[in-house]
Amino acid sequence: MQKDNLWLDEVAETCTVTLNVLQRKAEERGMLSHADQTMTDLCLGYLYLLSICDKNRFFEDDSIMGLTDIIKQKTTIH
């Protein structure tokens, strides 16, 4: 990943730490609150999308511009 995209890895690290905290919380309480489940889903979704982007090299060189163009083409207002 390029230096300019280092923040993406930092967010991934924050997600990983958050998921560990939420896992311990679930083990201690036997359940997660709705807010905790929402945060779990958000973190897992981010990590999944980041892995897909890394796998497809969307953040290497100028390919981020190509990704932006794809998103603009596929965006609809609902």
PDB file of N, CA and C in Angstrom:
ATOM      1  N   MET A   1       0.840  -1.172   0.000  1.00  0.00           N
ATOM      2  CA  MET A   1       0.000   0.000   0.000  1.00  0.00           C
ATOM      3  C   MET A   1       0.890   1.241   0.000  1.00  0.00           C
ATOM      4  N   GLN A   2       0.495   2.247  -0.735  1.00  0.00           N
ATOM      5  CA  GLN A   2       1.275   3.467  -0.814  1.00  0.00           C
ATOM      6  C   GLN A   2       1.296   4.199   0.520  1.00  0.00           C
ATOM      7  N   LYS A   3       2.325   5.022   0.675  1.00  0.00           N
ATOM      8  CA  LYS A   3       2.465   5.813   1.895  1.00  0.00           C
ATOM      9  C   LYS A   3       1.237   6.690   2.127  1.00  0.00           C
ATOM     10  N   ASP A   4       0.670   7.253   1.059  1.00  0.00           N
ATOM     11  CA  ASP A   4      -0.505   8.124   1.183  1.00  0.00           C
ATOM     12  C   ASP A   4      -1.714   7.377   1.737  1.00  0.00           C
ATOM     13  N   ASN A   5      -1.713   6.079   1.598  1.00  0.00           N
ATOM     14  CA  ASN A   5      -2.837   5.276   2.050  1.00  0.00           C
ATOM     15  C   ASN A   5      -2.563   4.584   3.381  1.00  0.00           C
ATOM     16  N   LEU A   6      -1.515   5.015   4.077  1.00  0.00           N
ATOM     17  CA  LEU A   6      -1.152   4.415   5.350  1.00  0.00           C
ATOM     18  C   LEU A   6      -2.298   4.502   6.355  1.00  0.00           C
ATOM     19  N   TRP A   7      -3.081   5.542   6.284  1.00  0.00           N
ATOM     20  CA  TRP A   7      -4.203   5.704   7.212  1.00  0.00           C
ATOM     21  C   TRP A   7      -5.194   4.560   7.110  1.00  0.00           C
ATOM     22  N   LEU A   8      -5.297   3.942   5.929  1.00  0.00           N
ATOM     23  CA  LEU A   8      -6.199   2.796   5.770  1.00  0.00           C
ATOM     24  C   LEU A   8      -5.763   1.651   6.675  1.00  0.00           C
ATOM     25  N   ASP A   9      -4.457   1.410   6.752  1.00  0.00           N
ATOM     26  CA  ASP A   9      -3.937   0.376   7.638  1.00  0.00           C
ATOM     27  C   ASP A   9      -4.145   0.740   9.099  1.00  0.00           C
ATOM     28  N   GLU A  10      -4.055   2.025   9.407  1.00  0.00           N
ATOM     29  CA  GLU A  10      -4.289   2.471  10.787  1.00  0.00           C
ATOM     30  C   GLU A  10      -5.745   2.241  11.192  1.00  0.00           C
ATOM     31  N   VAL A  11      -6.666   2.496  10.274  1.00  0.00           N
ATOM     32  CA  VAL A  11      -8.079   2.218  10.554  1.00  0.00           C
ATOM     33  C   VAL A  11      -8.280   0.714  10.726  1.00  0.00           C
ATOM     34  N   ALA A  12      -7.610  -0.087   9.904  1.00  0.00           N
ATOM     35  CA  ALA A  12      -7.705  -1.548  10.025  1.00  0.00           C
ATOM     36  C   ALA A  12      -7.209  -1.997  11.396  1.00  0.00           C
ATOM     37  N   GLU A  13      -6.122  -1.405  11.870  1.00  0.00           N
ATOM     38  CA  GLU A  13      -5.602  -1.751  13.193  1.00  0.00           C
ATOM     39  C   GLU A  13      -6.602  -1.369  14.286  1.00  0.00           C
ATOM     40  N   THR A  14      -7.217  -0.205  14.146  1.00  0.00           N
ATOM     41  CA  THR A  14      -8.236   0.218  15.110  1.00  0.00           C
ATOM     42  C   THR A  14      -9.412  -0.753  15.097  1.00  0.00           C
ATOM     43  N   CYS A  15      -9.819  -1.192  13.915  1.00  0.00           N
ATOM     44  CA  CYS A  15     -10.910  -2.161  13.807  1.00  0.00           C
ATOM     45  C   CYS A  15     -10.548  -3.475  14.492  1.00  0.00           C
ATOM     46  N   THR A  16      -9.327  -3.926  14.299  1.00  0.00           N
ATOM     47  CA  THR A  16      -8.888  -5.183  14.901  1.00  0.00           C
ATOM     48  C   THR A  16      -8.903  -5.089  16.424  1.00  0.00           C
ATOM     49  N   VAL A  17      -8.393  -3.994  16.957  1.00  0.00           N
ATOM     50  CA  VAL A  17      -8.401  -3.784  18.409  1.00  0.00           C
ATOM     51  C   VAL A  17      -9.839  -3.724  18.920  1.00  0.00           C
ATOM     52  N   THR A  18     -10.682  -2.995  18.218  1.00  0.00           N
ATOM     53  CA  THR A  18     -12.094  -2.870  18.605  1.00  0.00           C
ATOM     54  C   THR A  18     -12.775  -4.230  18.621  1.00  0.00           C
ATOM     55  N   LEU A  19     -12.517  -5.039  17.600  1.00  0.00           N
ATOM     56  CA  LEU A  19     -13.112  -6.379  17.547  1.00  0.00           C
ATOM     57  C   LEU A  19     -12.637  -7.240  18.710  1.00  0.00           C
ATOM     58  N   ASN A  20     -11.377  -7.121  19.086  1.00  0.00           N
ATOM     59  CA  ASN A  20     -10.872  -7.877  20.237  1.00  0.00           C
ATOM     60  C   ASN A  20     -11.568  -7.452  21.526  1.00  0.00           C
ATOM     61  N   VAL A  21     -11.757  -6.151  21.701  1.00  0.00           N
ATOM     62  CA  VAL A  21     -12.450  -5.634  22.884  1.00  0.00           C
ATOM     63  C   VAL A  21     -13.896  -6.138  22.912  1.00  0.00           C
ATOM     64  N   LEU A  22     -14.562  -6.071  21.775  1.00  0.00           N
ATOM     65  CA  LEU A  22     -15.950  -6.514  21.711  1.00  0.00           C
ATOM     66  C   LEU A  22     -16.073  -8.022  21.932  1.00  0.00           C
ATOM     67  N   GLN A  23     -15.094  -8.791  21.468  1.00  0.00           N
ATOM     68  CA  GLN A  23     -15.098 -10.236  21.691  1.00  0.00           C
ATOM     69  C   GLN A  23     -14.986 -10.547  23.179  1.00  0.00           C
ATOM     70  N   ARG A  24     -14.069  -9.861  23.859  1.00  0.00           N
ATOM     71  CA  ARG A  24     -13.921 -10.061  25.318  1.00  0.00           C
ATOM     72  C   ARG A  24     -15.204  -9.663  26.043  1.00  0.00           C
ATOM     73  N   LYS A  25     -15.796  -8.558  25.605  1.00  0.00           N
ATOM     74  CA  LYS A  25     -17.044  -8.078  26.205  1.00  0.00           C
ATOM     75  C   LYS A  25     -18.153  -9.123  26.039  1.00  0.00           C
ATOM     76  N   ALA A  26     -18.251  -9.697  24.861  1.00  0.00           N
ATOM     77  CA  ALA A  26     -19.266 -10.718  24.600  1.00  0.00           C
ATOM     78  C   ALA A  26     -19.019 -11.958  25.449  1.00  0.00           C
ATOM     79  N   GLU A  27     -17.771 -12.344  25.609  1.00  0.00           N
ATOM     80  CA  GLU A  27     -17.444 -13.510  26.427  1.00  0.00           C
ATOM     81  C   GLU A  27     -17.782 -13.272  27.898  1.00  0.00           C
ATOM     82  N   GLU A  28     -17.535 -12.063  28.382  1.00  0.00           N
ATOM     83  CA  GLU A  28     -17.819 -11.727  29.783  1.00  0.00           C
ATOM     84  C   GLU A  28     -19.315 -11.631  30.058  1.00  0.00           C
ATOM     85  N   ARG A  29     -20.052 -11.030  29.143  1.00  0.00           N
ATOM     86  CA  ARG A  29     -21.481 -10.775  29.353  1.00  0.00           C
ATOM     87  C   ARG A  29     -22.375 -11.848  28.741  1.00  0.00           C
ATOM     88  N   GLY A  30     -21.810 -12.628  27.828  1.00  0.00           N
ATOM     89  CA  GLY A  30     -22.612 -13.652  27.167  1.00  0.00           C
ATOM     90  C   GLY A  30     -23.441 -13.138  26.010  1.00  0.00           C
ATOM     91  N   MET A  31     -23.302 -11.853  25.701  1.00  0.00           N
ATOM     92  CA  MET A  31     -24.052 -11.262  24.586  1.00  0.00           C
ATOM     93  C   MET A  31     -23.464  -9.900  24.235  1.00  0.00           C
ATOM     94  N   LEU A  32     -23.856  -9.384  23.094  1.00  0.00           N
ATOM     95  CA  LEU A  32     -23.477  -8.038  22.667  1.00  0.00           C
ATOM     96  C   LEU A  32     -24.729  -7.176  22.593  1.00  0.00           C
ATOM     97  N   SER A  33     -24.583  -5.923  22.943  1.00  0.00           N
ATOM     98  CA  SER A  33     -25.690  -4.980  22.766  1.00  0.00           C
ATOM     99  C   SER A  33     -25.870  -4.722  21.269  1.00  0.00           C
ATOM    100  N   HIS A  34     -26.971  -4.090  20.943  1.00  0.00           N
ATOM    101  CA  HIS A  34     -27.216  -3.738  19.539  1.00  0.00           C
ATOM    102  C   HIS A  34     -26.094  -2.833  19.008  1.00  0.00           C
ATOM    103  N   ALA A  35     -25.684  -1.860  19.815  1.00  0.00           N
ATOM    104  CA  ALA A  35     -24.610  -0.944  19.404  1.00  0.00           C
ATOM    105  C   ALA A  35     -23.300  -1.696  19.195  1.00  0.00           C
ATOM    106  N   ASP A  36     -22.996  -2.639  20.091  1.00  0.00           N
ATOM    107  CA  ASP A  36     -21.770  -3.427  19.947  1.00  0.00           C
ATOM    108  C   ASP A  36     -21.825  -4.308  18.703  1.00  0.00           C
ATOM    109  N   GLN A  37     -22.987  -4.868  18.413  1.00  0.00           N
ATOM    110  CA  GLN A  37     -23.132  -5.693  17.213  1.00  0.00           C
ATOM    111  C   GLN A  37     -22.984  -4.853  15.958  1.00  0.00           C
ATOM    112  N   THR A  38     -23.526  -3.645  15.998  1.00  0.00           N
ATOM    113  CA  THR A  38     -23.392  -2.729  14.862  1.00  0.00           C
ATOM    114  C   THR A  38     -21.920  -2.385  14.629  1.00  0.00           C
ATOM    115  N   MET A  39     -21.190  -2.102  15.703  1.00  0.00           N
ATOM    116  CA  MET A  39     -19.760  -1.791  15.583  1.00  0.00           C
ATOM    117  C   MET A  39     -18.989  -3.002  15.064  1.00  0.00           C
ATOM    118  N   THR A  40     -19.350  -4.185  15.529  1.00  0.00           N
ATOM    119  CA  THR A  40     -18.715  -5.414  15.034  1.00  0.00           C
ATOM    120  C   THR A  40     -18.926  -5.552  13.535  1.00  0.00           C
ATOM    121  N   ASP A  41     -20.158  -5.365  13.096  1.00  0.00           N
ATOM    122  CA  ASP A  41     -20.473  -5.473  11.667  1.00  0.00           C
ATOM    123  C   ASP A  41     -19.710  -4.431  10.854  1.00  0.00           C
ATOM    124  N   LEU A  42     -19.636  -3.214  11.367  1.00  0.00           N
ATOM    125  CA  LEU A  42     -18.917  -2.137  10.680  1.00  0.00           C
ATOM    126  C   LEU A  42     -17.429  -2.470  10.537  1.00  0.00           C
ATOM    127  N   CYS A  43     -16.818  -2.918  11.635  1.00  0.00           N
ATOM    128  CA  CYS A  43     -15.388  -3.256  11.596  1.00  0.00           C
ATOM    129  C   CYS A  43     -15.115  -4.423  10.659  1.00  0.00           C
ATOM    130  N   LEU A  44     -15.945  -5.459  10.742  1.00  0.00           N
ATOM    131  CA  LEU A  44     -15.756  -6.614   9.861  1.00  0.00           C
ATOM    132  C   LEU A  44     -15.940  -6.220   8.398  1.00  0.00           C
ATOM    133  N   GLY A  45     -16.926  -5.381   8.136  1.00  0.00           N
ATOM    134  CA  GLY A  45     -17.156  -4.918   6.765  1.00  0.00           C
ATOM    135  C   GLY A  45     -15.975  -4.128   6.233  1.00  0.00           C
ATOM    136  N   TYR A  46     -15.438  -3.242   7.057  1.00  0.00           N
ATOM    137  CA  TYR A  46     -14.273  -2.459   6.643  1.00  0.00           C
ATOM    138  C   TYR A  46     -13.089  -3.365   6.336  1.00  0.00           C
ATOM    139  N   LEU A  47     -12.812  -4.302   7.236  1.00  0.00           N
ATOM    140  CA  LEU A  47     -11.673  -5.203   7.027  1.00  0.00           C
ATOM    141  C   LEU A  47     -11.868  -6.056   5.779  1.00  0.00           C
ATOM    142  N   TYR A  48     -13.100  -6.494   5.542  1.00  0.00           N
ATOM    143  CA  TYR A  48     -13.380  -7.285   4.345  1.00  0.00           C
ATOM    144  C   TYR A  48     -13.157  -6.449   3.080  1.00  0.00           C
ATOM    145  N   LEU A  49     -13.712  -5.254   3.052  1.00  0.00           N
ATOM    146  CA  LEU A  49     -13.548  -4.401   1.865  1.00  0.00           C
ATOM    147  C   LEU A  49     -12.092  -4.017   1.642  1.00  0.00           C
ATOM    148  N   LEU A  50     -11.365  -3.746   2.713  1.00  0.00           N
ATOM    149  CA  LEU A  50      -9.946  -3.423   2.578  1.00  0.00           C
ATOM    150  C   LEU A  50      -9.180  -4.605   1.994  1.00  0.00           C
ATOM    151  N   SER A  51      -9.515  -5.818   2.443  1.00  0.00           N
ATOM    152  CA  SER A  51      -8.823  -7.000   1.909  1.00  0.00           C
ATOM    153  C   SER A  51      -9.124  -7.204   0.421  1.00  0.00           C
ATOM    154  N   ILE A  52     -10.358  -6.926   0.014  1.00  0.00           N
ATOM    155  CA  ILE A  52     -10.721  -7.033  -1.404  1.00  0.00           C
ATOM    156  C   ILE A  52      -9.965  -5.982  -2.221  1.00  0.00           C
ATOM    157  N   CYS A  53      -9.909  -4.769  -1.705  1.00  0.00           N
ATOM    158  CA  CYS A  53      -9.173  -3.700  -2.400  1.00  0.00           C
ATOM    159  C   CYS A  53      -7.690  -4.022  -2.484  1.00  0.00           C
ATOM    160  N   ASP A  54      -7.108  -4.546  -1.405  1.00  0.00           N
ATOM    161  CA  ASP A  54      -5.695  -4.932  -1.427  1.00  0.00           C
ATOM    162  C   ASP A  54      -5.460  -6.054  -2.431  1.00  0.00           C
ATOM    163  N   LYS A  55      -6.333  -7.046  -2.414  1.00  0.00           N
ATOM    164  CA  LYS A  55      -6.202  -8.196  -3.319  1.00  0.00           C
ATOM    165  C   LYS A  55      -6.237  -7.746  -4.783  1.00  0.00           C
ATOM    166  N   ASN A  56      -7.084  -6.789  -5.073  1.00  0.00           N
ATOM    167  CA  ASN A  56      -7.228  -6.291  -6.443  1.00  0.00           C
ATOM    168  C   ASN A  56      -6.337  -5.090  -6.742  1.00  0.00           C
ATOM    169  N   ARG A  57      -5.502  -4.735  -5.778  1.00  0.00           N
ATOM    170  CA  ARG A  57      -4.521  -3.649  -5.926  1.00  0.00           C
ATOM    171  C   ARG A  57      -5.146  -2.311  -6.306  1.00  0.00           C
ATOM    172  N   PHE A  58      -6.298  -2.021  -5.711  1.00  0.00           N
ATOM    173  CA  PHE A  58      -6.988  -0.769  -6.009  1.00  0.00           C
ATOM    174  C   PHE A  58      -6.238   0.448  -5.495  1.00  0.00           C
ATOM    175  N   PHE A  59      -5.375   0.272  -4.486  1.00  0.00           N
ATOM    176  CA  PHE A  59      -4.703   1.413  -3.878  1.00  0.00           C
ATOM    177  C   PHE A  59      -3.257   1.566  -4.326  1.00  0.00           C
ATOM    178  N   GLU A  60      -2.857   0.837  -5.327  1.00  0.00           N
ATOM    179  CA  GLU A  60      -1.495   0.953  -5.824  1.00  0.00           C
ATOM    180  C   GLU A  60      -1.438   1.979  -6.949  1.00  0.00           C
ATOM    181  N   ASP A  61      -0.391   2.746  -6.956  1.00  0.00           N
ATOM    182  CA  ASP A  61      -0.150   3.752  -7.994  1.00  0.00           C
ATOM    183  C   ASP A  61      -1.358   4.657  -8.193  1.00  0.00           C
ATOM    184  N   ASP A  62      -1.790   4.797  -9.441  1.00  0.00           N
ATOM    185  CA  ASP A  62      -2.903   5.686  -9.758  1.00  0.00           C
ATOM    186  C   ASP A  62      -4.228   4.942  -9.848  1.00  0.00           C
ATOM    187  N   SER A  63      -4.247   3.665  -9.477  1.00  0.00           N
ATOM    188  CA  SER A  63      -5.467   2.883  -9.635  1.00  0.00           C
ATOM    189  C   SER A  63      -6.597   3.386  -8.740  1.00  0.00           C
ATOM    190  N   ILE A  64      -6.286   4.164  -7.702  1.00  0.00           N
ATOM    191  CA  ILE A  64      -7.337   4.737  -6.866  1.00  0.00           C
ATOM    192  C   ILE A  64      -8.227   5.650  -7.707  1.00  0.00           C
ATOM    193  N   MET A  65      -7.645   6.310  -8.702  1.00  0.00           N
ATOM    194  CA  MET A  65      -8.449   7.161  -9.569  1.00  0.00           C
ATOM    195  C   MET A  65      -9.415   6.316 -10.390  1.00  0.00           C
ATOM    196  N   GLY A  66      -8.961   5.149 -10.821  1.00  0.00           N
ATOM    197  CA  GLY A  66      -9.847   4.253 -11.552  1.00  0.00           C
ATOM    198  C   GLY A  66     -10.984   3.774 -10.675  1.00  0.00           C
ATOM    199  N   LEU A  67     -10.692   3.497  -9.420  1.00  0.00           N
ATOM    200  CA  LEU A  67     -11.716   3.067  -8.482  1.00  0.00           C
ATOM    201  C   LEU A  67     -12.745   4.175  -8.277  1.00  0.00           C
ATOM    202  N   THR A  68     -12.279   5.406  -8.158  1.00  0.00           N
ATOM    203  CA  THR A  68     -13.186   6.539  -7.992  1.00  0.00           C
ATOM    204  C   THR A  68     -14.120   6.656  -9.191  1.00  0.00           C
ATOM    205  N   ASP A  69     -13.585   6.474 -10.381  1.00  0.00           N
ATOM    206  CA  ASP A  69     -14.417   6.545 -11.591  1.00  0.00           C
ATOM    207  C   ASP A  69     -15.464   5.429 -11.603  1.00  0.00           C
ATOM    208  N   ILE A  70     -15.071   4.245 -11.190  1.00  0.00           N
ATOM    209  CA  ILE A  70     -16.008   3.113 -11.137  1.00  0.00           C
ATOM    210  C   ILE A  70     -17.131   3.408 -10.154  1.00  0.00           C
ATOM    211  N   ILE A  71     -16.780   3.930  -8.995  1.00  0.00           N
ATOM    212  CA  ILE A  71     -17.788   4.251  -7.982  1.00  0.00           C
ATOM    213  C   ILE A  71     -18.759   5.290  -8.514  1.00  0.00           C
ATOM    214  N   LYS A  72     -18.240   6.312  -9.184  1.00  0.00           N
ATOM    215  CA  LYS A  72     -19.114   7.355  -9.735  1.00  0.00           C
ATOM    216  C   LYS A  72     -20.070   6.778 -10.772  1.00  0.00           C
ATOM    217  N   GLN A  73     -19.593   5.847 -11.582  1.00  0.00           N
ATOM    218  CA  GLN A  73     -20.432   5.249 -12.616  1.00  0.00           C
ATOM    219  C   GLN A  73     -21.534   4.370 -12.015  1.00  0.00           C
ATOM    220  N   LYS A  74     -21.234   3.741 -10.884  1.00  0.00           N
ATOM    221  CA  LYS A  74     -22.178   2.789 -10.296  1.00  0.00           C
ATOM    222  C   LYS A  74     -23.083   3.420  -9.233  1.00  0.00           C
ATOM    223  N   THR A  75     -22.844   4.681  -8.902  1.00  0.00           N
ATOM    224  CA  THR A  75     -23.621   5.336  -7.854  1.00  0.00           C
ATOM    225  C   THR A  75     -24.992   5.741  -8.371  1.00  0.00           C
ATOM    226  N   THR A  76     -25.994   5.403  -7.598  1.00  0.00           N
ATOM    227  CA  THR A  76     -27.346   5.816  -7.922  1.00  0.00           C
ATOM    228  C   THR A  76     -27.933   6.497  -6.694  1.00  0.00           C
ATOM    229  N   ILE A  77     -28.911   7.337  -6.909  1.00  0.00           N
ATOM    230  CA  ILE A  77     -29.593   8.009  -5.814  1.00  0.00           C
ATOM    231  C   ILE A  77     -30.880   7.239  -5.542  1.00  0.00           C
ATOM    232  N   HIS A  78     -31.012   6.771  -4.304  1.00  0.00           N
ATOM    233  CA  HIS A  78     -32.212   6.016  -3.926  1.00  0.00           C
ATOM    234  C   HIS A  78     -32.938   6.724  -2.816  1.00  0.00           C
TER     235      HIS A  78
END
